[in-house]
Amino acid sequence: MKWLIEFFTSTLGRKLLMALTGLFLILFLAVHLAGNLQLLKHDEGRAFNVYAEFMSTNPVIQLISKGNFFFILLHAGVSLGLTIHNRKARGLQGYAVSGKSSIWSSRNMGILGTVILVFIVIHLKDFWAQMHWGGIPTVSYDGKEYRDLSALVAVWFDKGWYVALYCFCMTAIGFHLWHGFISAFQTLGLNHPKYNPLIHFVGKAFAIVVPALFAWIPLAMYFKI
């Protein structure tokens, strides 16, 4: 056990934790997006409400959800530790800096991560906390009651400033993914000359498409598309 603790508190171990938790959170983003896209159906929120009810009552999903909170905190904590370590080792250059030729996102992963963490806190306050303790009204589908969470989303996505903030944060997530997706595969030793082009393509496509679709949802709801 001691060697395991020593490994995961070393620089290499912490980078491995960053990669593993990052890939888990990437998978969570894809699943979360699939659910949120239900908001774009013109069915008065039915599809999203049914989806949200399933996600909030299924015990397996709830276990994964609690694990997700843990991985977010672990990812942020390890990132902070690496940032401090790298600044000391590299003369205050910041996290994941590989030189002046490195891309902007790699030089500013700490800043991007901070923006994302603040967004997560706001997002949890406005949606997750309201879902659990906000007294959400219910609607009935086929004789079963569901919390009308789509109405809560519609309230927030009817505010122009909130839509702008949401889109800005999705841009930050996109830049974070642009470097983080590929970096995770490199850290895990999964990069290979034969497969690197595919990994880079998938990583960059994911970094563009997923945040763009997340941003499209509030834009479509605000402009009534």
Foldseek 3Di string as FASTA:
>chain_A
DVVVVVQCVDPLNLLLLLLVLVVLVLVVLVVVLVLLCCLVDPPLQPSNQVVVVCCVPPPVNVVVVVVNVVSLVSNLVSQVVQQVVCCVVPVHQGAQDPDPPDDPLSSCLNVLSVLLVVVVVVVCVQQVCCVVPVPADWDDDPRDITRRSSVSVLVQLQDPVSLVSLLVNLLSQLSNQLPSQLSSCVSVVNDDPVCSVVSNVVSNCSSPPSSVSSSVSSVCSNVVD
